[in-house]
């Protein structure tokens, strides 16, 4: 699984981290680390832990095993790092960057792709002056004879300079700044507010081609949000505007698969 939630209200997911590492079984054994597969890491954590505190206490007993899987003639291994959050709002970033072993970081509530998490945190220091307060006063500029006032009463100018590109560092900062400047909201509005932030980091089709002749572009395949209290997911694919939602069936005893309904239906007012 790329992401999920368990019966204890612990949710987590993975993103690409090109700096991630793996180790041979003998190397992990020499360090007394139990081997895990990176592709199964989210499933393993949600199966075996019920809180972020438990993860922090035990996850460094494990390491990622070098064990590429086959896809046709290719041998592939997913480079990733992981984020988990629980009902107490405690969260952790887990990065396998220590020769297969894990480094842990206290999360600020946001994770994107490469580079490593401490680099993203350092990058935030470039934008400390951005604020959600708009300037409203006129100001003399260039000389004593020219006074200018903010355009449109300064709306949005507190965040002037907010990175607008689709690189991982820029998406990280946008999400972090927006998430930490939202007005207070009720639990009923939580998913709506979560989506309002994360949609600023979604990549439309056609913007990221590996080379000029490539017909394939990178884009956001789906968005998913979790209501931890209700153990409920909301998912929107790139193929439609509608959301699908489902609650966790706690007493489920076998794997089931449900096909998402794809729709662009809108509410007609006439």
C-alpha atoms as a PDB file:
ATOM      1  CA  UNK A   1       0.000   0.000   0.000  1.00  0.00           C
ATOM      2  CA  UNK A   2       1.091   3.545  -0.691  1.00  0.00           C
ATOM      3  CA  UNK A   3      -1.078   4.834   2.149  1.00  0.00           C
ATOM      4  CA  UNK A   4      -3.700   3.642   4.632  1.00  0.00           C
ATOM      5  CA  UNK A   5      -5.294   3.783   8.079  1.00  0.00           C
ATOM      6  CA  UNK A   6      -5.683   1.150  10.778  1.00  0.00           C
ATOM      7  CA  UNK A   7      -8.214   0.382  13.506  1.00  0.00           C
ATOM      8  CA  UNK A   8      -6.282   2.469  16.058  1.00  0.00           C
ATOM      9  CA  UNK A   9      -6.581   5.638  13.935  1.00  0.00           C
ATOM     10  CA  UNK A  10      -2.953   5.582  12.810  1.00  0.00           C
ATOM     11  CA  UNK A  11      -2.558   6.710   9.189  1.00  0.00           C
ATOM     12  CA  UNK A  12       0.478   6.850   6.959  1.00  0.00           C
ATOM     13  CA  UNK A  13       1.844   6.970   3.455  1.00  0.00           C
ATOM     14  CA  UNK A  14       4.954   7.160   1.327  1.00  0.00           C
ATOM     15  CA  UNK A  15       6.512   9.577  -1.128  1.00  0.00           C
ATOM     16  CA  UNK A  16       9.506   9.219  -3.439  1.00  0.00           C
ATOM     17  CA  UNK A  17      12.927   9.782  -1.854  1.00  0.00           C
ATOM     18  CA  UNK A  18      15.768   9.202  -4.287  1.00  0.00           C
ATOM     19  CA  UNK A  19      18.281   9.336  -1.423  1.00  0.00           C
ATOM     20  CA  UNK A  20      16.777   6.244   0.248  1.00  0.00           C
ATOM     21  CA  UNK A  21      19.046   3.231   0.779  1.00  0.00           C
ATOM     22  CA  UNK A  22      18.805  -0.530   1.160  1.00  0.00           C
ATOM     23  CA  UNK A  23      21.178  -3.123   2.582  1.00  0.00           C
ATOM     24  CA  UNK A  24      21.968  -6.783   2.035  1.00  0.00           C
ATOM     25  CA  UNK A  25      20.563  -9.294   4.515  1.00  0.00           C
ATOM     26  CA  UNK A  26      24.015  -9.972   5.983  1.00  0.00           C
ATOM     27  CA  UNK A  27      24.620  -6.259   6.567  1.00  0.00           C
ATOM     28  CA  UNK A  28      21.306  -5.836   8.387  1.00  0.00           C
ATOM     29  CA  UNK A  29      21.962  -8.945  10.455  1.00  0.00           C
ATOM     30  CA  UNK A  30      25.373  -7.622  11.500  1.00  0.00           C
ATOM     31  CA  UNK A  31      23.656  -4.476  12.813  1.00  0.00           C
ATOM     32  CA  UNK A  32      20.922  -6.564  14.490  1.00  0.00           C
ATOM     33  CA  UNK A  33      18.272  -5.037  12.238  1.00  0.00           C
ATOM     34  CA  UNK A  34      15.266  -7.037  11.101  1.00  0.00           C
ATOM     35  CA  UNK A  35      14.754  -6.855   7.307  1.00  0.00           C
ATOM     36  CA  UNK A  36      11.724  -5.210   5.713  1.00  0.00           C
ATOM     37  CA  UNK A  37      10.740  -4.503   2.113  1.00  0.00           C
ATOM     38  CA  UNK A  38      10.246  -0.831   1.330  1.00  0.00           C
ATOM     39  CA  UNK A  39       7.219  -1.584  -0.861  1.00  0.00           C
ATOM     40  CA  UNK A  40       5.541  -3.273   2.138  1.00  0.00           C
ATOM     41  CA  UNK A  41       6.646  -0.786   4.794  1.00  0.00           C
ATOM     42  CA  UNK A  42       3.363   1.132   5.134  1.00  0.00           C
ATOM     43  CA  UNK A  43       1.428  -2.120   5.412  1.00  0.00           C
ATOM     44  CA  UNK A  44       3.880  -3.445   8.007  1.00  0.00           C
ATOM     45  CA  UNK A  45       3.647  -0.353  10.215  1.00  0.00           C
ATOM     46  CA  UNK A  46      -0.143  -0.134  10.092  1.00  0.00           C
ATOM     47  CA  UNK A  47      -0.363  -3.845  10.906  1.00  0.00           C
ATOM     48  CA  UNK A  48       2.007  -3.778  13.873  1.00  0.00           C
ATOM     49  CA  UNK A  49       1.735  -0.339  15.512  1.00  0.00           C
ATOM     50  CA  UNK A  50      -1.131   1.693  16.963  1.00  0.00           C
ATOM     51  CA  UNK A  51       0.505   5.068  17.604  1.00  0.00           C
ATOM     52  CA  UNK A  52       3.388   7.284  16.522  1.00  0.00           C
ATOM     53  CA  UNK A  53       4.928   6.851  19.968  1.00  0.00           C
ATOM     54  CA  UNK A  54       5.137   3.090  19.389  1.00  0.00           C
ATOM     55  CA  UNK A  55       6.702   3.653  15.974  1.00  0.00           C
ATOM     56  CA  UNK A  56       9.350   5.967  17.411  1.00  0.00           C
ATOM     57  CA  UNK A  57      10.150   3.439  20.144  1.00  0.00           C
ATOM     58  CA  UNK A  58      10.690   0.445  17.870  1.00  0.00           C
ATOM     59  CA  UNK A  59      11.067   1.251  14.164  1.00  0.00           C
ATOM     60  CA  UNK A  60      14.848   1.623  14.364  1.00  0.00           C
ATOM     61  CA  UNK A  61      15.007  -2.081  15.147  1.00  0.00           C
ATOM     62  CA  UNK A  62      14.389  -2.618  11.420  1.00  0.00           C
ATOM     63  CA  UNK A  63      16.082  -1.842   8.105  1.00  0.00           C
ATOM     64  CA  UNK A  64      15.203  -1.996   4.409  1.00  0.00           C
ATOM     65  CA  UNK A  65      16.378  -5.070   2.562  1.00  0.00           C
ATOM     66  CA  UNK A  66      17.972  -4.852  -0.871  1.00  0.00           C
ATOM     67  CA  UNK A  67      15.557  -7.076  -2.764  1.00  0.00           C
ATOM     68  CA  UNK A  68      14.485  -5.684  -6.165  1.00  0.00           C
ATOM     69  CA  UNK A  69      11.332  -7.137  -7.659  1.00  0.00           C
ATOM     70  CA  UNK A  70      11.029  -8.067 -11.315  1.00  0.00           C
ATOM     71  CA  UNK A  71       8.866  -6.260 -13.843  1.00  0.00           C
ATOM     72  CA  UNK A  72       9.460  -7.761 -17.244  1.00  0.00           C
ATOM     73  CA  UNK A  73      13.201  -7.511 -17.805  1.00  0.00           C
ATOM     74  CA  UNK A  74      13.607  -4.760 -15.231  1.00  0.00           C
ATOM     75  CA  UNK A  75      14.598  -5.171 -11.600  1.00  0.00           C
ATOM     76  CA  UNK A  76      13.028  -2.381  -9.595  1.00  0.00           C
ATOM     77  CA  UNK A  77      13.085  -1.112  -6.032  1.00  0.00           C
ATOM     78  CA  UNK A  78      10.922   1.801  -4.960  1.00  0.00           C
ATOM     79  CA  UNK A  79      12.888   4.679  -3.377  1.00  0.00           C
ATOM     80  CA  UNK A  80      10.719   6.180  -0.664  1.00  0.00           C
ATOM     81  CA  UNK A  81      10.301   7.802   2.722  1.00  0.00           C
ATOM     82  CA  UNK A  82       7.294   7.636   5.004  1.00  0.00           C
ATOM     83  CA  UNK A  83       5.033   9.779   7.184  1.00  0.00           C
ATOM     84  CA  UNK A  84       2.655   8.600   9.923  1.00  0.00           C
ATOM     85  CA  UNK A  85       0.177  10.542  12.082  1.00  0.00           C
ATOM     86  CA  UNK A  86      -2.175   9.436  14.861  1.00  0.00           C
ATOM     87  CA  UNK A  87      -5.246  10.789  16.665  1.00  0.00           C
ATOM     88  CA  UNK A  88      -3.127  12.774  19.126  1.00  0.00           C
ATOM     89  CA  UNK A  89      -1.747  14.742  16.134  1.00  0.00           C
ATOM     90  CA  UNK A  90       1.685  13.267  16.818  1.00  0.00           C
ATOM     91  CA  UNK A  91       3.479  12.560  13.551  1.00  0.00           C
ATOM     92  CA  UNK A  92       6.839  11.279  12.378  1.00  0.00           C
ATOM     93  CA  UNK A  93       8.892  11.171   9.185  1.00  0.00           C
ATOM     94  CA  UNK A  94      10.865   7.963   8.592  1.00  0.00           C
ATOM     95  CA  UNK A  95      13.703   7.971   6.060  1.00  0.00           C
ATOM     96  CA  UNK A  96      15.810   4.878   5.202  1.00  0.00           C
ATOM     97  CA  UNK A  97      18.984   6.871   4.545  1.00  0.00           C
ATOM     98  CA  UNK A  98      21.378   5.146   6.970  1.00  0.00           C
ATOM     99  CA  UNK A  99      22.566   2.254   4.764  1.00  0.00           C
ATOM    100  CA  UNK A 100      19.100   0.735   5.001  1.00  0.00           C
ATOM    101  CA  UNK A 101      18.551   1.920   8.574  1.00  0.00           C
ATOM    102  CA  UNK A 102      16.024   4.595   9.479  1.00  0.00           C
ATOM    103  CA  UNK A 103      16.436   8.216  10.499  1.00  0.00           C
ATOM    104  CA  UNK A 104      13.457   9.778  12.280  1.00  0.00           C
ATOM    105  CA  UNK A 105      12.274  13.385  12.157  1.00  0.00           C
ATOM    106  CA  UNK A 106       9.502  15.134  14.078  1.00  0.00           C
ATOM    107  CA  UNK A 107       7.032  16.123  11.394  1.00  0.00           C
ATOM    108  CA  UNK A 108       5.641  19.616  10.849  1.00  0.00           C
ATOM    109  CA  UNK A 109       2.635  17.971   9.196  1.00  0.00           C
ATOM    110  CA  UNK A 110       3.889  18.078   5.612  1.00  0.00           C
ATOM    111  CA  UNK A 111       5.942  15.747   3.417  1.00  0.00           C
ATOM    112  CA  UNK A 112       6.685  15.723  -0.313  1.00  0.00           C
ATOM    113  CA  UNK A 113       9.395  14.003  -2.369  1.00  0.00           C
ATOM    114  CA  UNK A 114      13.206  14.391  -2.374  1.00  0.00           C
ATOM    115  CA  UNK A 115      15.431  15.732  -0.966  1.00  0.00           C
ATOM    116  CA  UNK A 116      15.764  14.529   2.630  1.00  0.00           C
ATOM    117  CA  UNK A 117      13.509  15.982   5.303  1.00  0.00           C
ATOM    118  CA  UNK A 118      16.163  17.995   7.119  1.00  0.00           C
ATOM    119  CA  UNK A 119      16.920  19.771   3.817  1.00  0.00           C
ATOM    120  CA  UNK A 120      13.257  20.776   3.495  1.00  0.00           C
ATOM    121  CA  UNK A 121      13.258  22.106   7.060  1.00  0.00           C
ATOM    122  CA  UNK A 122      16.387  24.168   6.349  1.00  0.00           C
ATOM    123  CA  UNK A 123      14.772  25.532   3.180  1.00  0.00           C
ATOM    124  CA  UNK A 124      11.871  26.907   5.232  1.00  0.00           C
ATOM    125  CA  UNK A 125      14.328  29.399   6.695  1.00  0.00           C
ATOM    126  CA  UNK A 126      14.445  31.163   3.312  1.00  0.00           C
ATOM    127  CA  UNK A 127      10.823  32.282   3.722  1.00  0.00           C
ATOM    128  CA  UNK A 128      10.510  33.381   7.347  1.00  0.00           C
ATOM    129  CA  UNK A 129       9.250  36.853   6.382  1.00  0.00           C
ATOM    130  CA  UNK A 130       6.176  35.572   4.523  1.00  0.00           C
ATOM    131  CA  UNK A 131       2.966  36.142   6.452  1.00  0.00           C
ATOM    132  CA  UNK A 132      -0.803  35.822   6.107  1.00  0.00           C
ATOM    133  CA  UNK A 133      -1.217  39.523   6.996  1.00  0.00           C
ATOM    134  CA  UNK A 134      -1.705  41.808   3.997  1.00  0.00           C
ATOM    135  CA  UNK A 135       0.018  45.230   3.816  1.00  0.00           C
ATOM    136  CA  UNK A 136      -2.539  48.042   3.625  1.00  0.00           C
ATOM    137  CA  UNK A 137      -0.531  51.253   3.933  1.00  0.00           C
ATOM    138  CA  UNK A 138       0.859  53.375   1.119  1.00  0.00           C
ATOM    139  CA  UNK A 139       4.624  53.694   1.049  1.00  0.00           C
ATOM    140  CA  UNK A 140       7.116  56.157  -0.354  1.00  0.00           C
ATOM    141  CA  UNK A 141       9.496  54.414  -2.740  1.00  0.00           C
ATOM    142  CA  UNK A 142      12.560  55.359  -4.783  1.00  0.00           C
ATOM    143  CA  UNK A 143      12.370  59.036  -3.779  1.00  0.00           C
ATOM    144  CA  UNK A 144      10.351  61.393  -1.623  1.00  0.00           C
ATOM    145  CA  UNK A 145       8.047  62.306  -4.510  1.00  0.00           C
ATOM    146  CA  UNK A 146       6.605  58.876  -5.367  1.00  0.00           C
ATOM    147  CA  UNK A 147       4.099  57.193  -3.082  1.00  0.00           C
ATOM    148  CA  UNK A 148       2.587  53.849  -4.038  1.00  0.00           C
ATOM    149  CA  UNK A 149      -0.146  51.834  -2.423  1.00  0.00           C
ATOM    150  CA  UNK A 150      -0.529  48.024  -2.642  1.00  0.00           C
ATOM    151  CA  UNK A 151      -2.493  46.652  -5.579  1.00  0.00           C
ATOM    152  CA  UNK A 152      -6.040  45.620  -4.674  1.00  0.00           C
ATOM    153  CA  UNK A 153      -5.594  46.848  -1.072  1.00  0.00           C
ATOM    154  CA  UNK A 154      -2.679  44.463  -0.629  1.00  0.00           C
ATOM    155  CA  UNK A 155      -4.643  41.215  -0.918  1.00  0.00           C
ATOM    156  CA  UNK A 156      -2.218  38.301  -0.839  1.00  0.00           C
ATOM    157  CA  UNK A 157       0.883  40.477  -0.613  1.00  0.00           C
ATOM    158  CA  UNK A 158       1.833  39.080   2.764  1.00  0.00           C
ATOM    159  CA  UNK A 159       2.694  35.912   0.841  1.00  0.00           C
ATOM    160  CA  UNK A 160       4.286  37.667  -2.116  1.00  0.00           C
ATOM    161  CA  UNK A 161       7.188  35.503  -3.247  1.00  0.00           C
ATOM    162  CA  UNK A 162       5.488  32.203  -2.351  1.00  0.00           C
ATOM    163  CA  UNK A 163       7.041  29.611  -4.719  1.00  0.00           C
ATOM    164  CA  UNK A 164       4.537  28.627  -7.389  1.00  0.00           C
ATOM    165  CA  UNK A 165       6.393  25.929  -9.315  1.00  0.00           C
ATOM    166  CA  UNK A 166       5.882  22.173  -9.043  1.00  0.00           C
ATOM    167  CA  UNK A 167       9.264  21.106  -7.697  1.00  0.00           C
ATOM    168  CA  UNK A 168       9.189  19.089  -4.505  1.00  0.00           C
ATOM    169  CA  UNK A 169      10.789  21.843  -2.359  1.00  0.00           C
ATOM    170  CA  UNK A 170       8.288  24.434  -3.583  1.00  0.00           C
ATOM    171  CA  UNK A 171       5.305  22.131  -3.056  1.00  0.00           C
ATOM    172  CA  UNK A 172       6.599  21.330   0.441  1.00  0.00           C
ATOM    173  CA  UNK A 173       6.833  24.983   1.399  1.00  0.00           C
ATOM    174  CA  UNK A 174       3.458  25.928  -0.083  1.00  0.00           C
ATOM    175  CA  UNK A 175       1.705  23.153   1.796  1.00  0.00           C
ATOM    176  CA  UNK A 176       3.534  23.929   5.044  1.00  0.00           C
ATOM    177  CA  UNK A 177       2.807  27.664   4.964  1.00  0.00           C
ATOM    178  CA  UNK A 178      -0.833  27.286   3.954  1.00  0.00           C
ATOM    179  CA  UNK A 179      -1.558  24.513   6.457  1.00  0.00           C
ATOM    180  CA  UNK A 180      -0.145  26.534   9.343  1.00  0.00           C
ATOM    181  CA  UNK A 181      -2.096  29.685   8.491  1.00  0.00           C
ATOM    182  CA  UNK A 182      -5.606  28.283   8.128  1.00  0.00           C
ATOM    183  CA  UNK A 183      -8.399  29.736  10.231  1.00  0.00           C
ATOM    184  CA  UNK A 184      -9.657  27.487  13.010  1.00  0.00           C
ATOM    185  CA  UNK A 185     -12.147  24.916  11.746  1.00  0.00           C
ATOM    186  CA  UNK A 186     -14.392  22.181  13.065  1.00  0.00           C
ATOM    187  CA  UNK A 187     -13.874  18.473  12.521  1.00  0.00           C
ATOM    188  CA  UNK A 188     -16.775  18.519  10.053  1.00  0.00           C
ATOM    189  CA  UNK A 189     -14.776  20.897   7.829  1.00  0.00           C
ATOM    190  CA  UNK A 190     -11.499  18.984   8.202  1.00  0.00           C
ATOM    191  CA  UNK A 191     -11.461  17.129   4.893  1.00  0.00           C
ATOM    192  CA  UNK A 192     -12.479  20.272   3.012  1.00  0.00           C
ATOM    193  CA  UNK A 193      -9.647  22.251   4.615  1.00  0.00           C
ATOM    194  CA  UNK A 194      -7.159  19.445   4.022  1.00  0.00           C
ATOM    195  CA  UNK A 195      -8.098  19.366   0.343  1.00  0.00           C
ATOM    196  CA  UNK A 196      -7.900  23.159   0.058  1.00  0.00           C
ATOM    197  CA  UNK A 197      -4.232  22.997   1.042  1.00  0.00           C
ATOM    198  CA  UNK A 198      -3.155  19.872  -0.799  1.00  0.00           C
ATOM    199  CA  UNK A 199      -4.756  20.866  -4.115  1.00  0.00           C
ATOM    200  CA  UNK A 200      -2.137  23.621  -4.347  1.00  0.00           C
ATOM    201  CA  UNK A 201       0.495  20.883  -4.630  1.00  0.00           C
ATOM    202  CA  UNK A 202      -1.270  18.712  -7.226  1.00  0.00           C
ATOM    203  CA  UNK A 203       0.481  18.451 -10.586  1.00  0.00           C
ATOM    204  CA  UNK A 204      -1.757  18.702 -13.701  1.00  0.00           C
ATOM    205  CA  UNK A 205      -1.026  16.484 -16.679  1.00  0.00           C
ATOM    206  CA  UNK A 206       1.341  17.849 -19.286  1.00  0.00           C
ATOM    207  CA  UNK A 207       3.543  20.064 -17.112  1.00  0.00           C
ATOM    208  CA  UNK A 208       6.444  17.704 -16.426  1.00  0.00           C
ATOM    209  CA  UNK A 209       7.980  15.847 -19.381  1.00  0.00           C
ATOM    210  CA  UNK A 210      11.310  14.065 -19.076  1.00  0.00           C
ATOM    211  CA  UNK A 211      12.352  15.397 -22.489  1.00  0.00           C
ATOM    212  CA  UNK A 212      10.816  17.417 -25.317  1.00  0.00           C
ATOM    213  CA  UNK A 213       9.781  14.407 -27.385  1.00  0.00           C
ATOM    214  CA  UNK A 214       8.336  12.382 -24.504  1.00  0.00           C
ATOM    215  CA  UNK A 215       4.558  11.781 -24.733  1.00  0.00           C
ATOM    216  CA  UNK A 216       4.502  10.905 -21.013  1.00  0.00           C
ATOM    217  CA  UNK A 217       4.291  13.499 -18.253  1.00  0.00           C
ATOM    218  CA  UNK A 218       4.443  13.276 -14.492  1.00  0.00           C
ATOM    219  CA  UNK A 219       1.195  14.217 -12.741  1.00  0.00           C
ATOM    220  CA  UNK A 220      -0.822  13.633  -9.568  1.00  0.00           C
ATOM    221  CA  UNK A 221      -2.635  10.310  -9.996  1.00  0.00           C
ATOM    222  CA  UNK A 222      -4.908  10.641  -6.973  1.00  0.00           C
ATOM    223  CA  UNK A 223      -5.551  12.581  -3.771  1.00  0.00           C
ATOM    224  CA  UNK A 224      -6.555  10.873  -0.547  1.00  0.00           C
ATOM    225  CA  UNK A 225      -7.478  12.293   2.842  1.00  0.00           C
ATOM    226  CA  UNK A 226      -8.251  10.491   6.097  1.00  0.00           C
ATOM    227  CA  UNK A 227     -10.664  11.305   8.915  1.00  0.00           C
ATOM    228  CA  UNK A 228      -8.727   9.645  11.746  1.00  0.00           C
ATOM    229  CA  UNK A 229     -11.604   9.770  14.235  1.00  0.00           C
ATOM    230  CA  UNK A 230     -14.061   8.104  11.882  1.00  0.00           C
ATOM    231  CA  UNK A 231     -11.426   5.789  10.309  1.00  0.00           C
ATOM    232  CA  UNK A 232     -12.665   7.038   6.942  1.00  0.00           C
ATOM    233  CA  UNK A 233     -10.908   7.805   3.668  1.00  0.00           C
ATOM    234  CA  UNK A 234     -11.811  10.224   0.901  1.00  0.00           C
ATOM    235  CA  UNK A 235     -10.214   9.752  -2.497  1.00  0.00           C
ATOM    236  CA  UNK A 236     -10.296  11.740  -5.736  1.00  0.00           C
ATOM    237  CA  UNK A 237      -8.584  10.438  -8.865  1.00  0.00           C
ATOM    238  CA  UNK A 238      -7.139  12.483 -11.718  1.00  0.00           C
ATOM    239  CA  UNK A 239      -9.925  11.124 -13.925  1.00  0.00           C
ATOM    240  CA  UNK A 240     -12.834  12.847 -12.213  1.00  0.00           C
ATOM    241  CA  UNK A 241     -13.862  15.566  -9.781  1.00  0.00           C
ATOM    242  CA  UNK A 242     -16.058  13.403  -7.560  1.00  0.00           C
ATOM    243  CA  UNK A 243     -14.821  11.957  -4.277  1.00  0.00           C
ATOM    244  CA  UNK A 244     -15.231   8.341  -3.225  1.00  0.00           C
ATOM    245  CA  UNK A 245     -15.409   7.647   0.496  1.00  0.00           C
ATOM    246  CA  UNK A 246     -15.300   4.513   2.614  1.00  0.00           C
ATOM    247  CA  UNK A 247     -14.973   3.654   6.303  1.00  0.00           C
ATOM    248  CA  UNK A 248     -12.516   1.067   7.565  1.00  0.00           C
ATOM    249  CA  UNK A 249     -14.213  -2.284   8.220  1.00  0.00           C
ATOM    250  CA  UNK A 250     -12.475  -3.229  11.463  1.00  0.00           C
ATOM    251  CA  UNK A 251     -13.523  -6.895  11.538  1.00  0.00           C
ATOM    252  CA  UNK A 252     -12.536  -7.563   7.926  1.00  0.00           C
ATOM    253  CA  UNK A 253     -10.887 -10.996   7.622  1.00  0.00           C
ATOM    254  CA  UNK A 254      -9.819 -11.005   3.976  1.00  0.00           C
ATOM    255  CA  UNK A 255      -8.536  -8.637   1.340  1.00  0.00           C
ATOM    256  CA  UNK A 256     -11.271  -7.021  -0.766  1.00  0.00           C
ATOM    257  CA  UNK A 257     -11.036  -4.657  -3.720  1.00  0.00           C
ATOM    258  CA  UNK A 258     -13.550  -1.965  -4.594  1.00  0.00           C
ATOM    259  CA  UNK A 259     -13.622  -0.164  -7.935  1.00  0.00           C
ATOM    260  CA  UNK A 260     -13.750   3.622  -7.640  1.00  0.00           C
ATOM    261  CA  UNK A 261     -16.592   5.416  -9.376  1.00  0.00           C
ATOM    262  CA  UNK A 262     -15.280   8.053 -11.792  1.00  0.00           C
ATOM    263  CA  UNK A 263     -17.532  11.050 -12.266  1.00  0.00           C
ATOM    264  CA  UNK A 264     -17.485  14.730 -13.251  1.00  0.00           C
ATOM    265  CA  UNK A 265     -21.125  15.192 -12.305  1.00  0.00           C
ATOM    266  CA  UNK A 266     -22.056  18.653 -11.087  1.00  0.00           C
ATOM    267  CA  UNK A 267     -25.161  19.851  -9.260  1.00  0.00           C
ATOM    268  CA  UNK A 268     -27.596  21.294 -11.785  1.00  0.00           C
ATOM    269  CA  UNK A 269     -29.468  24.402 -10.644  1.00  0.00           C
ATOM    270  CA  UNK A 270     -32.061  24.431 -13.440  1.00  0.00           C
END
